Amino acid sequence: MTRPGEWMLREIAEIPQVIVRQMAHHGAAYAETGARLRRNPPRFFATCARGTSDHAALFFKYLTEIRTGVPVVTLGPSLGSIYDADLQLRDAVLLSVSQSGSSPDLVALQHRAKQGGASTIALLNTTDSPLGREADIVLPIGVGPEQAVAATKSFVASLTALLAIHAGQTEDNSLLAAVNNLPEALTQTLAVDIDPIVRDLLAAETVFILGRGPGLAIAQEAALKLKETCLVHAEAFSAAEFRHGPIALAKPGALVLAFLPEGPARASVEDTLRLAKEYGAQTIPIGSGTLGFACFDGAHEETLCVLQITLFYRIAAALSLALGLNPDLPPHLVKATLTT
């Protein structure tokens, strides 16, 4: 019989070696897919995903739009499964991201997208699946079995696969080198003292998690993990969007945690965090140059998100255990959710 949290903690600890194996076994396939996209650029991308995988798709959206200018639209899976929409996707690429590759609504959307003229790429942990069997290009996430219901290593590996594909698409050797250097940085991240953050979260009545650009994707993932594993009502916002209404809730008892990006978006996130603190909320910045996070110093702008969410997974697991819960088996959830 396993102890509470044993699966989730073990899978978080495996992340550095998961990335080593992933890039060794599948890095060439990611690079080739990126090169194909460079040779035959789509008119636009569309994404097909749910839950944690949809957060990876949002990461892909920001990464692609910021660095290439090619639009990325998010398609609701119900367009294929319920509404049977006639999708107009000529010269587009549909990217599906899924762990199981089995959810009927994702399969239906991919099918309708192909009928509408899109070429399809599926990034999957289970490649021999309904999504995988119908996609034009199938790419393994390559993490193997994941026993904890809440995804951790599969999400991180989804991000690294997307980064490697993008590096091939843009011929960005510095980004590819940063991805290959991630295991060492991840090992350092796993050694960071998280106890002060866990104590602050235990005292919070309301939690808001902020990001900007690609960091919005990990803010959404972090909020989901607090809901899943800790039964905490947490909401994620763009730091800019937070100031268009939700900041009214920044008051004593609220905690605002922000993933600080590198680059031009950092100042706006820091400014929003400063305002939240002035209004009485507890604030936690997670990024380079902040106390206790020397592991982030000098991190590549696009790979920093991988380090930040890995750190947060440890926080979520520790908080769940401190609350007397079992993060491996959240109530009402199963590993593969098959929605229509």
C-alpha atoms as a PDB file:
ATOM      1  CA  MET A   1       0.000   0.000   0.000  1.00  0.00           C
ATOM      2  CA  THR A   2       1.402   3.398  -0.966  1.00  0.00           C
ATOM      3  CA  ARG A   3       1.605   6.388   1.375  1.00  0.00           C
ATOM      4  CA  PRO A   4      -0.419   9.524   0.519  1.00  0.00           C
ATOM      5  CA  GLY A   5       1.448  11.591  -2.054  1.00  0.00           C
ATOM      6  CA  GLU A   6       3.984   8.887  -2.849  1.00  0.00           C
ATOM      7  CA  TRP A   7       3.092   8.693  -6.544  1.00  0.00           C
ATOM      8  CA  MET A   8       2.948  12.422  -7.154  1.00  0.00           C
ATOM      9  CA  LEU A   9       6.177  13.139  -5.266  1.00  0.00           C
ATOM     10  CA  ARG A  10       7.989  10.318  -7.056  1.00  0.00           C
ATOM     11  CA  GLU A  11       6.818  11.539 -10.467  1.00  0.00           C
ATOM     12  CA  ILE A  12       7.900  15.109  -9.709  1.00  0.00           C
ATOM     13  CA  ALA A  13      11.320  13.823  -8.652  1.00  0.00           C
ATOM     14  CA  GLU A  14      11.590  11.917 -11.946  1.00  0.00           C
ATOM     15  CA  ILE A  15      11.183  15.020 -14.096  1.00  0.00           C
ATOM     16  CA  PRO A  16      14.895  15.768 -14.737  1.00  0.00           C
ATOM     17  CA  GLN A  17      15.582  12.234 -15.966  1.00  0.00           C
ATOM     18  CA  VAL A  18      12.306  12.156 -17.901  1.00  0.00           C
ATOM     19  CA  ILE A  19      13.536  15.140 -19.923  1.00  0.00           C
ATOM     20  CA  VAL A  20      16.932  13.512 -20.500  1.00  0.00           C
ATOM     21  CA  ARG A  21      15.250  10.378 -21.913  1.00  0.00           C
ATOM     22  CA  GLN A  22      12.651  12.344 -23.844  1.00  0.00           C
ATOM     23  CA  MET A  23      15.190  14.417 -25.740  1.00  0.00           C
ATOM     24  CA  ALA A  24      17.455  11.422 -26.336  1.00  0.00           C
ATOM     25  CA  HIS A  25      14.644   9.291 -27.774  1.00  0.00           C
ATOM     26  CA  HIS A  26      12.355  11.863 -29.409  1.00  0.00           C
ATOM     27  CA  GLY A  27      14.385  15.046 -29.876  1.00  0.00           C
ATOM     28  CA  ALA A  28      15.106  14.236 -33.520  1.00  0.00           C
ATOM     29  CA  ALA A  29      11.396  13.767 -34.256  1.00  0.00           C
ATOM     30  CA  TYR A  30      10.597  17.113 -32.633  1.00  0.00           C
ATOM     31  CA  ALA A  31      13.324  18.821 -34.672  1.00  0.00           C
ATOM     32  CA  GLU A  32      12.088  17.254 -37.914  1.00  0.00           C
ATOM     33  CA  THR A  33       8.520  18.334 -37.213  1.00  0.00           C
ATOM     34  CA  GLY A  34       9.758  21.861 -36.575  1.00  0.00           C
ATOM     35  CA  ALA A  35      11.727  21.796 -39.817  1.00  0.00           C
ATOM     36  CA  ARG A  36       8.625  20.639 -41.742  1.00  0.00           C
ATOM     37  CA  LEU A  37       6.681  23.570 -40.308  1.00  0.00           C
ATOM     38  CA  ARG A  38       9.497  25.896 -41.387  1.00  0.00           C
ATOM     39  CA  ARG A  39       9.528  24.507 -44.917  1.00  0.00           C
ATOM     40  CA  ASN A  40       5.738  24.574 -45.234  1.00  0.00           C
ATOM     41  CA  PRO A  41       4.453  27.224 -42.841  1.00  0.00           C
ATOM     42  CA  PRO A  42       0.735  27.055 -42.106  1.00  0.00           C
ATOM     43  CA  ARG A  43      -1.598  29.978 -42.592  1.00  0.00           C
ATOM     44  CA  PHE A  44      -2.441  29.575 -38.895  1.00  0.00           C
ATOM     45  CA  PHE A  45      -2.463  26.964 -36.148  1.00  0.00           C
ATOM     46  CA  ALA A  46      -5.440  25.642 -34.201  1.00  0.00           C
ATOM     47  CA  THR A  47      -5.238  23.650 -30.976  1.00  0.00           C
ATOM     48  CA  CYS A  48      -7.288  20.755 -29.614  1.00  0.00           C
ATOM     49  CA  ALA A  49      -6.933  19.865 -25.922  1.00  0.00           C
ATOM     50  CA  ARG A  50      -8.583  19.862 -22.508  1.00  0.00           C
ATOM     51  CA  GLY A  51      -7.453  20.365 -18.899  1.00  0.00           C
ATOM     52  CA  THR A  52      -3.727  20.246 -18.249  1.00  0.00           C
ATOM     53  CA  SER A  53      -3.037  19.555 -21.919  1.00  0.00           C
ATOM     54  CA  ASP A  54      -4.953  22.711 -22.845  1.00  0.00           C
ATOM     55  CA  HIS A  55      -2.541  24.671 -20.682  1.00  0.00           C
ATOM     56  CA  ALA A  56       0.292  23.227 -22.763  1.00  0.00           C
ATOM     57  CA  ALA A  57      -1.609  24.323 -25.881  1.00  0.00           C
ATOM     58  CA  LEU A  58      -1.865  27.860 -24.454  1.00  0.00           C
ATOM     59  CA  PHE A  59       1.907  27.811 -23.885  1.00  0.00           C
ATOM     60  CA  PHE A  60       2.315  26.856 -27.557  1.00  0.00           C
ATOM     61  CA  LYS A  61      -0.002  29.706 -28.581  1.00  0.00           C
ATOM     62  CA  TYR A  62       2.025  32.395 -26.824  1.00  0.00           C
ATOM     63  CA  LEU A  63       5.347  30.893 -27.874  1.00  0.00           C
ATOM     64  CA  THR A  64       4.299  30.770 -31.525  1.00  0.00           C
ATOM     65  CA  GLU A  65       2.540  34.122 -31.772  1.00  0.00           C
ATOM     66  CA  ILE A  66       5.277  36.045 -29.946  1.00  0.00           C
ATOM     67  CA  ARG A  67       8.180  34.527 -31.834  1.00  0.00           C
ATOM     68  CA  THR A  68       6.735  33.937 -35.320  1.00  0.00           C
ATOM     69  CA  GLY A  69       3.636  36.124 -35.617  1.00  0.00           C
ATOM     70  CA  VAL A  70       1.589  33.160 -36.890  1.00  0.00           C
ATOM     71  CA  PRO A  71      -1.872  33.168 -35.228  1.00  0.00           C
ATOM     72  CA  VAL A  72      -2.917  30.258 -33.022  1.00  0.00           C
ATOM     73  CA  VAL A  73      -6.618  29.749 -32.315  1.00  0.00           C
ATOM     74  CA  THR A  74      -8.106  27.528 -29.625  1.00  0.00           C
ATOM     75  CA  LEU A  75     -10.939  25.343 -30.908  1.00  0.00           C
ATOM     76  CA  GLY A  76     -13.542  24.058 -28.476  1.00  0.00           C
ATOM     77  CA  PRO A  77     -13.694  20.247 -28.704  1.00  0.00           C
ATOM     78  CA  SER A  78     -17.495  20.419 -28.683  1.00  0.00           C
ATOM     79  CA  LEU A  79     -17.308  21.890 -32.199  1.00  0.00           C
ATOM     80  CA  GLY A  80     -16.657  18.354 -33.385  1.00  0.00           C
ATOM     81  CA  SER A  81     -18.384  16.209 -30.780  1.00  0.00           C
ATOM     82  CA  ILE A  82     -21.665  18.051 -30.181  1.00  0.00           C
ATOM     83  CA  TYR A  83     -22.104  20.724 -32.838  1.00  0.00           C
ATOM     84  CA  ASP A  84     -20.583  18.876 -35.811  1.00  0.00           C
ATOM     85  CA  ALA A  85     -19.351  22.212 -37.139  1.00  0.00           C
ATOM     86  CA  ASP A  86     -18.160  22.612 -40.706  1.00  0.00           C
ATOM     87  CA  LEU A  87     -14.662  23.882 -39.956  1.00  0.00           C
ATOM     88  CA  GLN A  88     -12.807  25.951 -42.551  1.00  0.00           C
ATOM     89  CA  LEU A  89      -9.174  25.081 -41.891  1.00  0.00           C
ATOM     90  CA  ARG A  90      -7.532  24.994 -45.310  1.00  0.00           C
ATOM     91  CA  ASP A  91      -3.744  25.503 -45.045  1.00  0.00           C
ATOM     92  CA  ALA A  92      -3.940  25.317 -41.245  1.00  0.00           C
ATOM     93  CA  VAL A  93      -2.294  22.890 -38.833  1.00  0.00           C
ATOM     94  CA  LEU A  94      -4.273  21.432 -35.941  1.00  0.00           C
ATOM     95  CA  LEU A  95      -2.148  20.563 -32.905  1.00  0.00           C
ATOM     96  CA  SER A  96      -3.767  18.105 -30.496  1.00  0.00           C
ATOM     97  CA  VAL A  97      -2.204  17.587 -27.063  1.00  0.00           C
ATOM     98  CA  SER A  98      -3.370  14.722 -24.874  1.00  0.00           C
ATOM     99  CA  GLN A  99      -2.063  12.166 -22.427  1.00  0.00           C
ATOM    100  CA  SER A 100      -4.407   9.310 -23.302  1.00  0.00           C
ATOM    101  CA  GLY A 101      -5.380  10.301 -26.847  1.00  0.00           C
ATOM    102  CA  SER A 102      -8.752   8.701 -26.176  1.00  0.00           C
ATOM    103  CA  SER A 103     -11.253  11.405 -25.266  1.00  0.00           C
ATOM    104  CA  PRO A 104     -14.115  11.211 -27.804  1.00  0.00           C
ATOM    105  CA  ASP A 105     -14.501  14.991 -28.102  1.00  0.00           C
ATOM    106  CA  LEU A 106     -10.833  15.474 -29.018  1.00  0.00           C
ATOM    107  CA  VAL A 107     -11.004  12.652 -31.544  1.00  0.00           C
ATOM    108  CA  ALA A 108     -14.152  14.165 -33.085  1.00  0.00           C
ATOM    109  CA  LEU A 109     -12.581  17.617 -33.350  1.00  0.00           C
ATOM    110  CA  GLN A 110      -9.438  16.257 -35.009  1.00  0.00           C
ATOM    111  CA  HIS A 111     -11.619  14.343 -37.485  1.00  0.00           C
ATOM    112  CA  ARG A 112     -13.658  17.430 -38.380  1.00  0.00           C
ATOM    113  CA  ALA A 113     -10.485  19.505 -38.694  1.00  0.00           C
ATOM    114  CA  LYS A 114      -9.068  17.050 -41.223  1.00  0.00           C
ATOM    115  CA  GLN A 115     -12.316  17.190 -43.165  1.00  0.00           C
ATOM    116  CA  GLY A 116     -11.989  20.980 -43.119  1.00  0.00           C
ATOM    117  CA  GLY A 117      -8.572  20.877 -44.755  1.00  0.00           C
ATOM    118  CA  ALA A 118      -6.167  20.976 -41.805  1.00  0.00           C
ATOM    119  CA  SER A 119      -3.100  18.828 -41.485  1.00  0.00           C
ATOM    120  CA  THR A 120      -2.877  17.345 -38.009  1.00  0.00           C
ATOM    121  CA  ILE A 121      -0.158  16.855 -35.414  1.00  0.00           C
ATOM    122  CA  ALA A 122      -0.858  14.915 -32.207  1.00  0.00           C
ATOM    123  CA  LEU A 123       1.455  15.203 -29.195  1.00  0.00           C
ATOM    124  CA  LEU A 124       0.534  12.207 -27.049  1.00  0.00           C
ATOM    125  CA  ASN A 125       1.751  10.159 -24.137  1.00  0.00           C
ATOM    126  CA  THR A 126      -0.184   7.161 -25.525  1.00  0.00           C
ATOM    127  CA  THR A 127       0.570   7.182 -29.236  1.00  0.00           C
ATOM    128  CA  ASP A 128      -1.382   3.988 -29.986  1.00  0.00           C
ATOM    129  CA  SER A 129      -4.722   5.658 -29.364  1.00  0.00           C
ATOM    130  CA  PRO A 130      -7.674   6.983 -31.394  1.00  0.00           C
ATOM    131  CA  LEU A 131      -6.050  10.409 -31.759  1.00  0.00           C
ATOM    132  CA  GLY A 132      -2.714   8.898 -32.690  1.00  0.00           C
ATOM    133  CA  ARG A 133      -4.121   6.513 -35.257  1.00  0.00           C
ATOM    134  CA  GLU A 134      -5.796   9.311 -37.232  1.00  0.00           C
ATOM    135  CA  ALA A 135      -3.224  12.138 -36.959  1.00  0.00           C
ATOM    136  CA  ASP A 136      -0.915  12.920 -39.867  1.00  0.00           C
ATOM    137  CA  ILE A 137       2.077  13.293 -37.538  1.00  0.00           C
ATOM    138  CA  VAL A 138       2.235  11.570 -34.139  1.00  0.00           C
ATOM    139  CA  LEU A 139       4.817  12.725 -31.611  1.00  0.00           C
ATOM    140  CA  PRO A 140       5.412  10.904 -28.309  1.00  0.00           C
ATOM    141  CA  ILE A 141       5.556  12.902 -25.096  1.00  0.00           C
ATOM    142  CA  GLY A 142       7.506   9.920 -23.883  1.00  0.00           C
ATOM    143  CA  VAL A 143       7.070   9.943 -20.097  1.00  0.00           C
ATOM    144  CA  GLY A 144       5.671   6.435 -19.708  1.00  0.00           C
ATOM    145  CA  PRO A 145       2.982   5.577 -17.149  1.00  0.00           C
ATOM    146  CA  GLU A 146       1.892   8.319 -14.755  1.00  0.00           C
ATOM    147  CA  GLN A 147       0.101   6.918 -11.705  1.00  0.00           C
ATOM    148  CA  ALA A 148      -0.942  10.042  -9.802  1.00  0.00           C
ATOM    149  CA  VAL A 149      -4.238  11.402 -11.109  1.00  0.00           C
ATOM    150  CA  ALA A 150      -2.877  14.950 -11.220  1.00  0.00           C
ATOM    151  CA  ALA A 151      -0.494  15.235 -14.177  1.00  0.00           C
ATOM    152  CA  THR A 152       2.999  16.548 -13.462  1.00  0.00           C
ATOM    153  CA  LYS A 153       5.814  15.020 -15.473  1.00  0.00           C
ATOM    154  CA  SER A 154       3.590  14.648 -18.551  1.00  0.00           C
ATOM    155  CA  PHE A 155       2.806  18.388 -18.526  1.00  0.00           C
ATOM    156  CA  VAL A 156       6.462  19.360 -18.162  1.00  0.00           C
ATOM    157  CA  ALA A 157       7.409  16.980 -20.973  1.00  0.00           C
ATOM    158  CA  SER A 158       4.641  18.469 -23.146  1.00  0.00           C
ATOM    159  CA  LEU A 159       6.234  21.897 -22.677  1.00  0.00           C
ATOM    160  CA  THR A 160       9.732  20.656 -23.500  1.00  0.00           C
ATOM    161  CA  ALA A 161       8.477  18.873 -26.611  1.00  0.00           C
ATOM    162  CA  LEU A 162       6.754  22.064 -27.794  1.00  0.00           C
ATOM    163  CA  LEU A 163       9.895  24.080 -27.087  1.00  0.00           C
ATOM    164  CA  ALA A 164      12.006  21.621 -29.077  1.00  0.00           C
ATOM    165  CA  ILE A 165       9.554  21.689 -31.992  1.00  0.00           C
ATOM    166  CA  HIS A 166       9.580  25.475 -31.929  1.00  0.00           C
ATOM    167  CA  ALA A 167      13.385  25.562 -31.833  1.00  0.00           C
ATOM    168  CA  GLY A 168      13.425  23.448 -34.990  1.00  0.00           C
ATOM    169  CA  GLN A 169      10.790  25.605 -36.635  1.00  0.00           C
ATOM    170  CA  THR A 170      12.690  28.834 -35.942  1.00  0.00           C
ATOM    171  CA  GLU A 171      16.219  27.372 -36.180  1.00  0.00           C
ATOM    172  CA  ASP A 172      16.881  28.711 -32.694  1.00  0.00           C
ATOM    173  CA  ASN A 173      19.902  26.805 -31.467  1.00  0.00           C
ATOM    174  CA  SER A 174      20.073  28.773 -28.223  1.00  0.00           C
ATOM    175  CA  LEU A 175      16.555  27.652 -27.310  1.00  0.00           C
ATOM    176  CA  LEU A 176      17.369  24.046 -28.146  1.00  0.00           C
ATOM    177  CA  ALA A 177      20.501  24.250 -25.982  1.00  0.00           C
ATOM    178  CA  ALA A 178      18.401  25.661 -23.130  1.00  0.00           C
ATOM    179  CA  VAL A 179      15.978  22.736 -23.419  1.00  0.00           C
ATOM    180  CA  ASN A 180      18.854  20.250 -23.341  1.00  0.00           C
ATOM    181  CA  ASN A 181      20.280  22.018 -20.268  1.00  0.00           C
ATOM    182  CA  LEU A 182      16.987  21.833 -18.387  1.00  0.00           C
ATOM    183  CA  PRO A 183      17.673  18.606 -16.434  1.00  0.00           C
ATOM    184  CA  GLU A 184      20.494  20.215 -14.432  1.00  0.00           C
ATOM    185  CA  ALA A 185      18.415  23.319 -13.721  1.00  0.00           C
ATOM    186  CA  LEU A 186      15.421  21.158 -12.788  1.00  0.00           C
ATOM    187  CA  THR A 187      17.543  19.215 -10.302  1.00  0.00           C
ATOM    188  CA  GLN A 188      18.495  22.510  -8.630  1.00  0.00           C
ATOM    189  CA  THR A 189      14.851  23.586  -8.646  1.00  0.00           C
ATOM    190  CA  LEU A 190      13.795  20.409  -6.859  1.00  0.00           C
ATOM    191  CA  ALA A 191      16.159  21.305  -3.987  1.00  0.00           C
ATOM    192  CA  VAL A 192      14.606  24.739  -3.251  1.00  0.00           C
ATOM    193  CA  ASP A 193      13.107  25.245   0.222  1.00  0.00           C
ATOM    194  CA  ILE A 194       9.340  25.534  -0.316  1.00  0.00           C
ATOM    195  CA  ASP A 195       8.227  25.503   3.326  1.00  0.00           C
ATOM    196  CA  PRO A 196       7.680  29.302   3.621  1.00  0.00           C
ATOM    197  CA  ILE A 197       5.384  29.304   0.577  1.00  0.00           C
ATOM    198  CA  VAL A 198       3.426  26.319   1.859  1.00  0.00           C
ATOM    199  CA  ARG A 199       2.915  28.104   5.206  1.00  0.00           C
ATOM    200  CA  ASP A 200       1.630  31.227   3.439  1.00  0.00           C
ATOM    201  CA  LEU A 201      -0.767  29.170   1.327  1.00  0.00           C
ATOM    202  CA  LEU A 202      -2.090  27.385   4.412  1.00  0.00           C
ATOM    203  CA  ALA A 203      -3.103  30.757   5.851  1.00  0.00           C
ATOM    204  CA  ALA A 204      -4.753  32.075   2.677  1.00  0.00           C
ATOM    205  CA  GLU A 205      -8.514  32.292   2.243  1.00  0.00           C
ATOM    206  CA  THR A 206      -8.400  33.078  -1.478  1.00  0.00           C
ATOM    207  CA  VAL A 207      -5.578  32.403  -3.965  1.00  0.00           C
ATOM    208  CA  PHE A 208      -4.932  34.205  -7.228  1.00  0.00           C
ATOM    209  CA  ILE A 209      -2.113  33.122  -9.525  1.00  0.00           C
ATOM    210  CA  LEU A 210      -0.735  35.539 -12.109  1.00  0.00           C
ATOM    211  CA  GLY A 211       1.329  35.121 -15.255  1.00  0.00           C
ATOM    212  CA  ARG A 212       1.914  36.920 -18.506  1.00  0.00           C
ATOM    213  CA  GLY A 213       2.580  35.564 -21.989  1.00  0.00           C
ATOM    214  CA  PRO A 214       3.704  31.920 -21.801  1.00  0.00           C
ATOM    215  CA  GLY A 215       3.590  32.287 -18.026  1.00  0.00           C
ATOM    216  CA  LEU A 216      -0.201  32.524 -18.156  1.00  0.00           C
ATOM    217  CA  ALA A 217      -0.231  28.854 -19.172  1.00  0.00           C
ATOM    218  CA  ILE A 218       1.629  27.783 -16.042  1.00  0.00           C
ATOM    219  CA  ALA A 219      -0.502  30.094 -13.890  1.00  0.00           C
ATOM    220  CA  GLN A 220      -3.557  28.227 -15.159  1.00  0.00           C
ATOM    221  CA  GLU A 221      -1.868  24.890 -14.529  1.00  0.00           C
ATOM    222  CA  ALA A 222      -0.873  25.912 -10.992  1.00  0.00           C
ATOM    223  CA  ALA A 223      -4.414  27.030 -10.169  1.00  0.00           C
ATOM    224  CA  LEU A 224      -5.772  23.724 -11.457  1.00  0.00           C
ATOM    225  CA  LYS A 225      -3.341  21.778  -9.286  1.00  0.00           C
ATOM    226  CA  LEU A 226      -4.439  23.671  -6.169  1.00  0.00           C
ATOM    227  CA  LYS A 227      -8.051  22.801  -6.977  1.00  0.00           C
ATOM    228  CA  GLU A 228      -7.295  19.150  -7.779  1.00  0.00           C
ATOM    229  CA  THR A 229      -4.863  18.216  -5.055  1.00  0.00           C
ATOM    230  CA  CYS A 230      -5.574  20.717  -2.255  1.00  0.00           C
ATOM    231  CA  LEU A 231      -9.294  21.455  -2.734  1.00  0.00           C
ATOM    232  CA  VAL A 232      -8.356  25.151  -2.693  1.00  0.00           C
ATOM    233  CA  HIS A 233     -10.361  27.557  -4.847  1.00  0.00           C
ATOM    234  CA  ALA A 234      -7.610  29.245  -6.848  1.00  0.00           C
ATOM    235  CA  GLU A 235      -7.997  31.365  -9.962  1.00  0.00           C
ATOM    236  CA  ALA A 236      -5.431  32.223 -12.627  1.00  0.00           C
ATOM    237  CA  PHE A 237      -5.279  35.530 -14.480  1.00  0.00           C
ATOM    238  CA  SER A 238      -3.057  37.461 -16.786  1.00  0.00           C
ATOM    239  CA  ALA A 239      -1.427  40.116 -14.599  1.00  0.00           C
ATOM    240  CA  ALA A 240      -2.946  42.698 -16.938  1.00  0.00           C
ATOM    241  CA  GLU A 241      -6.432  41.146 -16.833  1.00  0.00           C
ATOM    242  CA  PHE A 242      -6.284  40.935 -13.035  1.00  0.00           C
ATOM    243  CA  ARG A 243      -6.328  44.733 -12.914  1.00  0.00           C
ATOM    244  CA  HIS A 244      -9.542  44.856 -14.969  1.00  0.00           C
ATOM    245  CA  GLY A 245     -11.760  43.786 -12.083  1.00  0.00           C
ATOM    246  CA  PRO A 246     -10.450  40.857 -10.001  1.00  0.00           C
ATOM    247  CA  ILE A 247      -7.946  43.086  -8.174  1.00  0.00           C
ATOM    248  CA  ALA A 248     -10.947  44.355  -6.183  1.00  0.00           C
ATOM    249  CA  LEU A 249     -10.590  41.085  -4.230  1.00  0.00           C
ATOM    250  CA  ALA A 250      -6.976  41.847  -3.277  1.00  0.00           C
ATOM    251  CA  LYS A 251      -7.454  42.342   0.462  1.00  0.00           C
ATOM    252  CA  PRO A 252      -6.374  40.764   3.745  1.00  0.00           C
ATOM    253  CA  GLY A 253      -6.917  37.020   3.558  1.00  0.00           C
ATOM    254  CA  ALA A 254      -6.133  36.887  -0.163  1.00  0.00           C
ATOM    255  CA  LEU A 255      -2.839  35.579  -1.497  1.00  0.00           C
ATOM    256  CA  VAL A 256      -1.520  36.617  -4.906  1.00  0.00           C
ATOM    257  CA  LEU A 257       1.253  34.415  -6.298  1.00  0.00           C
ATOM    258  CA  ALA A 258       2.948  35.591  -9.493  1.00  0.00           C
ATOM    259  CA  PHE A 259       5.225  33.746 -11.876  1.00  0.00           C
ATOM    260  CA  LEU A 260       7.671  36.463 -12.886  1.00  0.00           C
ATOM    261  CA  PRO A 261       8.750  36.195 -16.527  1.00  0.00           C
ATOM    262  CA  GLU A 262      12.025  37.319 -17.971  1.00  0.00           C
ATOM    263  CA  GLY A 263      11.987  39.991 -20.658  1.00  0.00           C
ATOM    264  CA  PRO A 264       9.589  42.865 -21.334  1.00  0.00           C
ATOM    265  CA  ALA A 265       6.553  41.479 -19.495  1.00  0.00           C
ATOM    266  CA  ARG A 266       8.235  41.309 -16.104  1.00  0.00           C
ATOM    267  CA  ALA A 267       7.704  44.955 -15.127  1.00  0.00           C
ATOM    268  CA  SER A 268       3.924  44.742 -15.604  1.00  0.00           C
ATOM    269  CA  VAL A 269       3.664  41.596 -13.454  1.00  0.00           C
ATOM    270  CA  GLU A 270       5.762  43.152 -10.700  1.00  0.00           C
ATOM    271  CA  ASP A 271       3.650  46.317 -10.805  1.00  0.00           C
ATOM    272  CA  THR A 272       0.416  44.328 -10.413  1.00  0.00           C
ATOM    273  CA  LEU A 273       1.934  42.386  -7.519  1.00  0.00           C
ATOM    274  CA  ARG A 274       2.953  45.668  -5.853  1.00  0.00           C
ATOM    275  CA  LEU A 275      -0.606  47.007  -6.113  1.00  0.00           C
ATOM    276  CA  ALA A 276      -2.067  43.799  -4.674  1.00  0.00           C
ATOM    277  CA  LYS A 277       0.263  44.115  -1.694  1.00  0.00           C
ATOM    278  CA  GLU A 278      -0.711  47.762  -1.180  1.00  0.00           C
ATOM    279  CA  TYR A 279      -4.361  46.702  -1.068  1.00  0.00           C
ATOM    280  CA  GLY A 280      -3.667  44.207   1.710  1.00  0.00           C
ATOM    281  CA  ALA A 281      -3.105  40.876  -0.041  1.00  0.00           C
ATOM    282  CA  GLN A 282      -0.233  38.562   0.792  1.00  0.00           C
ATOM    283  CA  THR A 283       2.077  38.342  -2.240  1.00  0.00           C
ATOM    284  CA  ILE A 284       4.582  35.750  -3.443  1.00  0.00           C
ATOM    285  CA  PRO A 285       6.824  36.383  -6.464  1.00  0.00           C
ATOM    286  CA  ILE A 286       8.385  33.303  -8.062  1.00  0.00           C
ATOM    287  CA  GLY A 287      11.158  34.157 -10.480  1.00  0.00           C
ATOM    288  CA  SER A 288      14.782  35.089 -10.873  1.00  0.00           C
ATOM    289  CA  GLY A 289      16.207  37.601  -8.408  1.00  0.00           C
ATOM    290  CA  THR A 290      13.681  36.731  -5.710  1.00  0.00           C
ATOM    291  CA  LEU A 291      14.683  35.362  -2.351  1.00  0.00           C
ATOM    292  CA  GLY A 292      15.346  31.632  -2.384  1.00  0.00           C
ATOM    293  CA  PHE A 293      15.103  31.178  -6.161  1.00  0.00           C
ATOM    294  CA  ALA A 294      18.722  31.407  -7.269  1.00  0.00           C
ATOM    295  CA  CYS A 295      18.057  28.316  -9.423  1.00  0.00           C
ATOM    296  CA  PHE A 296      16.154  30.610 -11.825  1.00  0.00           C
ATOM    297  CA  ASP A 297      18.921  33.172 -12.227  1.00  0.00           C
ATOM    298  CA  GLY A 298      20.158  33.244 -15.824  1.00  0.00           C
ATOM    299  CA  ALA A 299      17.382  30.945 -17.044  1.00  0.00           C
ATOM    300  CA  HIS A 300      16.393  31.161 -20.691  1.00  0.00           C
ATOM    301  CA  GLU A 301      13.200  33.213 -21.066  1.00  0.00           C
ATOM    302  CA  GLU A 302      11.181  30.403 -22.665  1.00  0.00           C
ATOM    303  CA  THR A 303      12.421  27.560 -20.464  1.00  0.00           C
ATOM    304  CA  LEU A 304      11.925  29.451 -17.186  1.00  0.00           C
ATOM    305  CA  CYS A 305       8.264  28.373 -17.196  1.00  0.00           C
ATOM    306  CA  VAL A 306       9.346  24.730 -17.028  1.00  0.00           C
ATOM    307  CA  LEU A 307      11.337  25.405 -13.861  1.00  0.00           C
ATOM    308  CA  GLN A 308       8.589  27.468 -12.265  1.00  0.00           C
ATOM    309  CA  ILE A 309       5.818  24.912 -12.731  1.00  0.00           C
ATOM    310  CA  THR A 310       8.045  22.076 -11.542  1.00  0.00           C
ATOM    311  CA  LEU A 311       8.709  24.019  -8.348  1.00  0.00           C
ATOM    312  CA  PHE A 312       4.992  24.653  -7.956  1.00  0.00           C
ATOM    313  CA  TYR A 313       4.160  20.970  -8.276  1.00  0.00           C
ATOM    314  CA  ARG A 314       6.262  20.376  -5.165  1.00  0.00           C
ATOM    315  CA  ILE A 315       4.399  23.193  -3.409  1.00  0.00           C
ATOM    316  CA  ALA A 316       1.007  21.730  -4.333  1.00  0.00           C
ATOM    317  CA  ALA A 317       1.962  18.247  -3.157  1.00  0.00           C
ATOM    318  CA  ALA A 318       3.342  19.548   0.147  1.00  0.00           C
ATOM    319  CA  LEU A 319       0.290  21.736   0.738  1.00  0.00           C
ATOM    320  CA  SER A 320      -2.059  18.844   0.039  1.00  0.00           C
ATOM    321  CA  LEU A 321      -0.287  16.670   2.580  1.00  0.00           C
ATOM    322  CA  ALA A 322      -0.257  19.515   5.130  1.00  0.00           C
ATOM    323  CA  LEU A 323      -4.034  19.762   4.706  1.00  0.00           C
ATOM    324  CA  GLY A 324      -4.394  16.041   5.448  1.00  0.00           C
ATOM    325  CA  LEU A 325      -5.264  15.137   1.856  1.00  0.00           C
ATOM    326  CA  ASN A 326      -3.867  12.617  -0.616  1.00  0.00           C
ATOM    327  CA  PRO A 327      -2.620  14.424  -3.748  1.00  0.00           C
ATOM    328  CA  ASP A 328      -2.381  11.122  -5.620  1.00  0.00           C
ATOM    329  CA  LEU A 329      -6.126  10.515  -5.574  1.00  0.00           C
ATOM    330  CA  PRO A 330      -8.203  13.721  -5.703  1.00  0.00           C
ATOM    331  CA  PRO A 331     -11.934  13.208  -5.092  1.00  0.00           C
ATOM    332  CA  HIS A 332     -14.241  12.715  -8.090  1.00  0.00           C
ATOM    333  CA  LEU A 333     -11.359  12.504 -10.596  1.00  0.00           C
ATOM    334  CA  VAL A 334      -9.919   9.738 -12.775  1.00  0.00           C
ATOM    335  CA  LYS A 335      -6.707   9.646 -14.778  1.00  0.00           C
ATOM    336  CA  ALA A 336      -8.278   9.745 -18.250  1.00  0.00           C
ATOM    337  CA  THR A 337     -11.448  11.811 -18.528  1.00  0.00           C
ATOM    338  CA  LEU A 338     -13.449  10.768 -21.581  1.00  0.00           C
ATOM    339  CA  THR A 339     -15.733  13.708 -22.405  1.00  0.00           C
ATOM    340  CA  THR A 340     -18.056  14.080 -25.377  1.00  0.00           C
END
